[in-house]
Protein backbone atom coordinates (compact mmCIF):
# COMPACT_ATOMS: atom_id res chain seq x y z
CA UNK A 1 -39.85 -10.63 20.69
CA UNK A 2 -39.30 -7.48 18.63
CA UNK A 3 -35.92 -7.01 20.26
CA UNK A 4 -35.01 -10.63 19.47
CA UNK A 5 -36.06 -10.25 15.83
CA UNK A 6 -34.13 -6.99 15.47
CA UNK A 7 -31.03 -8.61 16.98
CA UNK A 8 -31.36 -11.55 14.59
CA UNK A 9 -31.67 -9.14 11.70
CA UNK A 10 -28.48 -7.34 12.71
CA UNK A 11 -26.60 -10.64 13.06
CA UNK A 12 -27.97 -11.84 9.72
CA UNK A 13 -26.89 -8.62 8.01
CA UNK A 14 -23.40 -8.82 9.48
CA UNK A 15 -23.13 -12.46 8.39
CA UNK A 16 -24.15 -11.63 4.83
CA UNK A 17 -21.61 -8.81 4.65
CA UNK A 18 -18.87 -11.05 6.04
CA UNK A 19 -19.64 -13.79 3.51
CA UNK A 20 -19.74 -11.25 0.69
CA UNK A 21 -16.39 -9.80 1.79
CA UNK A 22 -14.83 -13.27 2.01
CA UNK A 23 -16.08 -14.09 -1.47
CA UNK A 24 -14.66 -10.82 -2.79
CA UNK A 25 -11.31 -11.52 -1.13
CA UNK A 26 -11.19 -15.04 -2.58
CA UNK A 27 -11.79 -13.63 -6.09
CA UNK A 28 -8.95 -11.14 -5.62
CA UNK A 29 -6.58 -13.90 -4.51
CA UNK A 30 -7.65 -16.09 -7.43
CA UNK A 31 -7.08 -13.31 -9.96
CA UNK A 32 -3.64 -12.59 -8.50
CA UNK A 33 -2.67 -16.25 -8.70
CA UNK A 34 -3.98 -16.67 -12.25
CA UNK A 35 -2.29 -13.50 -13.49
CA UNK A 36 1.13 -14.59 -12.20
CA UNK A 37 0.59 -18.15 -13.41
CA UNK A 38 -0.46 -17.18 -16.93
CA UNK A 39 2.39 -14.66 -17.17
CA UNK A 40 4.86 -17.45 -16.39
CA UNK A 41 3.28 -20.09 -18.63
CA UNK A 42 1.68 -18.16 -21.51
CA UNK A 43 3.92 -18.52 -24.59
CA UNK A 44 2.07 -15.73 -26.42
CA UNK A 45 3.26 -13.15 -23.90
CA UNK A 46 6.67 -11.70 -24.70
CA UNK A 47 9.14 -10.50 -22.11
CA UNK A 48 9.66 -7.16 -23.86
CA UNK A 49 5.95 -6.38 -23.89
CA UNK A 50 5.66 -7.17 -20.19
CA UNK A 51 8.74 -5.13 -19.35
CA UNK A 52 7.39 -2.16 -21.32
CA UNK A 53 4.11 -2.15 -19.37
CA UNK A 54 5.90 -2.65 -16.03
CA UNK A 55 8.32 0.19 -16.80
CA UNK A 56 5.46 2.48 -17.78
CA UNK A 57 3.60 1.62 -14.58
CA UNK A 58 6.69 2.30 -12.46
CA UNK A 59 7.20 5.66 -14.20
CA UNK A 60 3.64 6.90 -13.77
CA UNK A 61 3.10 5.44 -10.30
CA UNK A 62 6.55 5.90 -8.82
CA UNK A 63 8.54 8.64 -10.51
CA UNK A 64 5.68 11.10 -10.96
CA UNK A 65 4.69 10.73 -7.29
CA UNK A 66 8.10 11.76 -5.93
CA UNK A 67 7.27 15.48 -5.36
CA UNK A 68 4.13 14.66 -3.36
CA UNK A 69 5.89 11.93 -1.39
CA UNK A 70 8.73 14.36 -0.62
CA UNK A 71 6.31 16.91 0.83
CA UNK A 72 4.59 14.33 3.01
CA UNK A 73 7.91 12.91 4.22
CA UNK A 74 9.20 16.37 5.20
CA UNK A 75 5.96 17.21 7.00
CA UNK A 76 5.95 13.86 8.82
CA UNK A 77 9.54 14.18 10.00
CA UNK A 78 8.87 17.73 11.18
CA UNK A 79 5.95 16.57 13.31
CA UNK A 80 7.94 13.69 14.79
CA UNK A 81 10.91 15.90 15.70
CA UNK A 82 8.72 18.63 17.17
CA UNK A 83 6.77 16.10 19.23
CA UNK A 84 10.00 14.48 20.37
CA UNK A 85 11.66 17.77 21.31
CA UNK A 86 9.58 18.23 24.46
CA UNK A 87 10.51 14.75 25.72
CA UNK A 88 14.10 15.34 24.65
CA UNK A 89 14.32 18.46 26.79
CA UNK A 90 12.38 16.84 29.65
CA UNK A 91 14.31 13.59 29.93
CA UNK A 92 17.53 14.59 28.18
CA UNK A 93 17.57 11.48 26.03
CA UNK A 94 18.35 11.46 22.33
CA UNK A 95 16.95 7.96 21.94
CA UNK A 96 13.48 9.47 22.04
CA UNK A 97 13.85 10.86 18.53
CA UNK A 98 15.19 7.58 17.16
CA UNK A 99 12.38 5.64 18.82
CA UNK A 100 9.74 8.01 17.53
CA UNK A 101 11.16 7.96 14.00
CA UNK A 102 11.13 4.17 14.05
CA UNK A 103 7.67 3.74 15.57
CA UNK A 104 5.87 6.40 13.56
CA UNK A 105 7.76 6.84 10.29
CA UNK A 106 9.11 3.37 9.51
CA UNK A 107 6.37 1.22 10.97
CA UNK A 108 3.26 3.27 10.25
CA UNK A 109 3.42 6.55 8.34
CA UNK A 110 5.67 5.60 5.43
CA UNK A 111 3.67 2.48 4.38
CA UNK A 112 0.24 4.03 4.97
CA UNK A 113 0.81 7.47 3.42
CA UNK A 114 2.61 5.96 0.43
CA UNK A 115 -0.29 3.56 -0.14
CA UNK A 116 -2.89 6.34 0.07
CA UNK A 117 -0.99 8.50 -2.41
CA UNK A 118 -0.68 5.59 -4.84
CA UNK A 119 -4.39 4.80 -4.51
CA UNK A 120 -5.37 8.41 -5.17
CA UNK A 121 -3.03 8.88 -8.15
CA UNK A 122 -2.59 5.50 -9.81
CA UNK A 123 -5.36 3.31 -8.46
CA UNK A 124 -8.00 5.50 -10.01
CA UNK A 125 -6.10 5.61 -13.31
CA UNK A 126 -5.69 1.82 -13.50
CA UNK A 127 -9.34 1.08 -12.71
CA UNK A 128 -10.64 3.61 -15.24
CA UNK A 129 -8.11 2.56 -17.89
CA UNK A 130 -9.04 -1.13 -17.71
CA UNK A 131 -12.73 -0.23 -17.49
CA UNK A 132 -12.47 1.78 -20.71
CA UNK A 133 -10.61 -1.09 -22.33
CA UNK A 134 -13.56 -3.33 -21.49
CA UNK A 135 -16.02 -0.79 -22.91
CA UNK A 136 -14.03 -0.42 -26.14
CA UNK A 137 -13.74 -4.22 -26.47
CA UNK A 138 -9.95 -4.07 -26.45
CA UNK A 139 -9.80 -6.95 -24.00
CA UNK A 140 -12.02 -9.07 -26.24
CA UNK A 141 -9.69 -8.28 -29.13
CA UNK A 142 -6.74 -9.57 -27.10
CA UNK A 143 -8.62 -12.78 -26.34
CA UNK A 144 -9.41 -13.26 -30.04
CA UNK A 145 -5.68 -12.94 -30.81
CA UNK A 146 -4.93 -15.62 -28.23
CA UNK A 147 -3.45 -13.24 -25.63
CA UNK A 148 -4.58 -13.76 -22.05
CA UNK A 149 -5.65 -10.37 -20.55
CA UNK A 150 -4.48 -11.49 -17.13
CA UNK A 151 -0.90 -11.88 -18.32
CA UNK A 152 -0.87 -8.87 -20.65
CA UNK A 153 -2.91 -6.34 -18.63
CA UNK A 154 -3.22 -7.39 -14.99
CA UNK A 155 0.15 -8.98 -14.21
CA UNK A 156 2.38 -6.08 -15.42
CA UNK A 157 0.31 -3.55 -13.48
CA UNK A 158 0.41 -5.56 -10.26
CA UNK A 159 4.16 -6.14 -10.60
CA UNK A 160 4.82 -2.51 -11.51
CA UNK A 161 2.64 -1.37 -8.64
CA UNK A 162 4.50 -3.52 -6.10
CA UNK A 163 7.86 -2.18 -7.29
CA UNK A 164 6.58 1.41 -7.28
CA UNK A 165 5.09 1.26 -3.77
CA UNK A 166 8.24 -0.30 -2.32
CA UNK A 167 10.52 2.25 -3.99
CA UNK A 168 8.30 5.17 -2.95
CA UNK A 169 8.25 3.97 0.66
CA UNK A 170 12.05 3.68 0.69
CA UNK A 171 12.27 7.18 -0.80
CA UNK A 172 9.83 8.38 1.88
CA UNK A 173 12.18 7.02 4.56
CA UNK A 174 15.22 8.62 2.92
CA UNK A 175 13.63 12.08 2.72
CA UNK A 176 12.10 11.77 6.20
CA UNK A 177 15.44 10.90 7.80
CA UNK A 178 17.33 13.66 6.00
CA UNK A 179 14.73 16.29 6.81
CA UNK A 180 14.42 14.88 10.34
CA UNK A 181 18.08 15.58 10.95
CA UNK A 182 17.71 19.11 9.56
CA UNK A 183 14.82 19.83 11.94
CA UNK A 184 16.69 18.20 14.85
CA UNK A 185 19.69 20.39 14.07
CA UNK A 186 17.57 23.53 13.92
CA UNK A 187 15.41 22.96 17.01
CA UNK A 188 17.72 20.83 19.19
CA UNK A 189 21.20 21.60 17.83
CA UNK A 190 21.74 17.84 17.53
CA UNK A 191 24.98 16.61 15.89
CA UNK A 192 24.76 14.23 12.95
CA UNK A 193 26.50 11.33 14.69
CA UNK A 194 24.16 11.67 17.68
CA UNK A 195 21.13 11.62 15.38
CA UNK A 196 22.37 8.57 13.46
CA UNK A 197 23.22 6.69 16.68
CA UNK A 198 19.75 7.44 18.08
CA UNK A 199 18.15 5.76 15.06
CA UNK A 200 20.60 2.87 14.74
CA UNK A 201 20.16 1.90 18.40
CA UNK A 202 16.45 1.20 18.01
CA UNK A 203 16.27 -0.34 14.53
CA UNK A 204 15.83 -4.12 14.42
CA UNK A 205 15.30 -6.79 11.78
CA UNK A 206 11.64 -7.04 12.81
CA UNK A 207 11.17 -3.43 11.72
CA UNK A 208 12.70 -4.19 8.31
CA UNK A 209 10.41 -7.21 7.86
CA UNK A 210 7.37 -5.22 8.97
CA UNK A 211 8.21 -2.40 6.56
CA UNK A 212 8.77 -4.80 3.64
CA UNK A 213 5.61 -6.79 4.37
CA UNK A 214 3.36 -3.74 4.54
CA UNK A 215 4.66 -2.21 1.33
CA UNK A 216 4.98 -5.34 -0.82
CA UNK A 217 1.58 -6.71 0.12
CA UNK A 218 0.05 -3.23 0.14
CA UNK A 219 1.17 -2.62 -3.44
CA UNK A 220 -0.27 -5.97 -4.50
CA UNK A 221 -3.56 -5.20 -2.75
CA UNK A 222 -3.98 -1.80 -4.40
CA UNK A 223 -3.38 -2.86 -7.98
CA UNK A 224 -5.15 -6.21 -7.70
CA UNK A 225 -8.31 -4.52 -6.47
CA UNK A 226 -8.16 -1.73 -9.06
CA UNK A 227 -7.52 -4.19 -11.90
CA UNK A 228 -10.34 -6.41 -10.65
CA UNK A 229 -12.82 -3.54 -10.50
CA UNK A 230 -11.84 -2.40 -13.98
CA UNK A 231 -12.36 -5.91 -15.33
CA UNK A 232 -15.87 -5.98 -13.83
CA UNK A 233 -17.16 -3.30 -16.24
CA UNK A 234 -19.71 -5.03 -18.48
CA UNK A 235 -22.50 -2.81 -19.79
CA UNK A 236 -21.11 0.54 -20.86
CA UNK A 237 -19.06 3.66 -20.07
CA UNK A 238 -21.43 4.65 -17.26
CA UNK A 239 -19.96 1.81 -15.18
CA UNK A 240 -16.38 3.11 -15.40
CA UNK A 241 -16.75 5.83 -12.69
CA UNK A 242 -18.50 3.30 -10.45
CA UNK A 243 -15.68 0.79 -10.93
CA UNK A 244 -13.11 3.49 -10.21
CA UNK A 245 -14.86 4.54 -7.00
CA UNK A 246 -15.22 0.92 -5.88
CA UNK A 247 -11.53 0.33 -6.59
CA UNK A 248 -10.46 3.32 -4.51
CA UNK A 249 -12.79 2.58 -1.58
CA UNK A 250 -11.97 -1.12 -1.40
CA UNK A 251 -8.23 -0.44 -1.76
CA UNK A 252 -8.31 1.95 1.20
CA UNK A 253 -10.32 -0.50 3.31
CA UNK A 254 -8.09 -3.47 2.55
CA UNK A 255 -4.80 -1.58 2.95
CA UNK A 256 -5.80 -0.06 6.29
CA UNK A 257 -7.16 -3.39 7.54
CA UNK A 258 -4.00 -5.24 6.49
CA UNK A 259 -1.74 -2.63 8.11
CA UNK A 260 -3.75 -2.82 11.33
CA UNK A 261 -3.60 -6.62 11.42
CA UNK A 262 0.15 -6.69 10.78
CA UNK A 263 0.76 -3.99 13.42
CA UNK A 264 -1.33 -5.84 16.02
CA UNK A 265 0.49 -9.10 15.33
CA UNK A 266 3.84 -7.29 15.51
CA UNK A 267 3.16 -5.73 18.91
CA UNK A 268 1.62 -8.95 20.26
CA UNK A 269 4.85 -10.70 19.28
CA UNK A 270 6.84 -7.98 21.06
CA UNK A 271 4.73 -8.37 24.19
CA UNK A 272 5.20 -12.14 24.18
CA UNK A 273 8.98 -11.74 23.77
CA UNK A 274 9.05 -9.36 26.73
CA UNK A 275 7.31 -12.00 28.84
CA UNK A 276 4.10 -10.13 29.62
CA UNK A 277 2.02 -13.00 28.20
């Protein structure tokens, strides 16, 4: 009986957490929809004001992250080339490097590392900034003036975040491929045309769609969650660090979960196409 009760308690706890997570996800989706809807329909919101906030978000999130992204891209390409070099020498095939660059850099490392850097640098800033705006009653002042906070505060940050994450991931790929060739030239004496052919032979439209999906949706996830947590500040400034921490933790959980789901679906589709299922 005690074992049965303990099992029921575990199941009940898991069910409560699942329902709470579903409710949280539905609120995030609703806020995203309302922010885009009000931005399109709100006559009080000017295009110039929105563009100014979006440009500022792209500058702080994208441009200022370039040095850190460059370092991670160089390190990632170095690891891929060094890991591929043993198989290259063993099997004598240059396609190994192209396949490894595609599987690790394009499909996994570029989207995930870019998202984590953006969460650490900009996610925390967005959550704390909006939380402080709530504490200082700046959001209430906007509502009194007839300006919807979702269109003036949330929408530009989500849009700017999506653009920034996508651009940073593309920059990550650019630096990783350039540095990958340099390492391949140093360690394997590989010609440029051989390196380019090795990558071009394995790239497919599914990889482009996977890359775009992970980065576009990942950027939306990060800034929606951080904006939502900042908007939840109610009582005072002591809640701002809590909102920031919640924004970072939930962003990491949702981004990793989304990337895992998309990767699983991608490889299941590949298995089905190959006829194993």
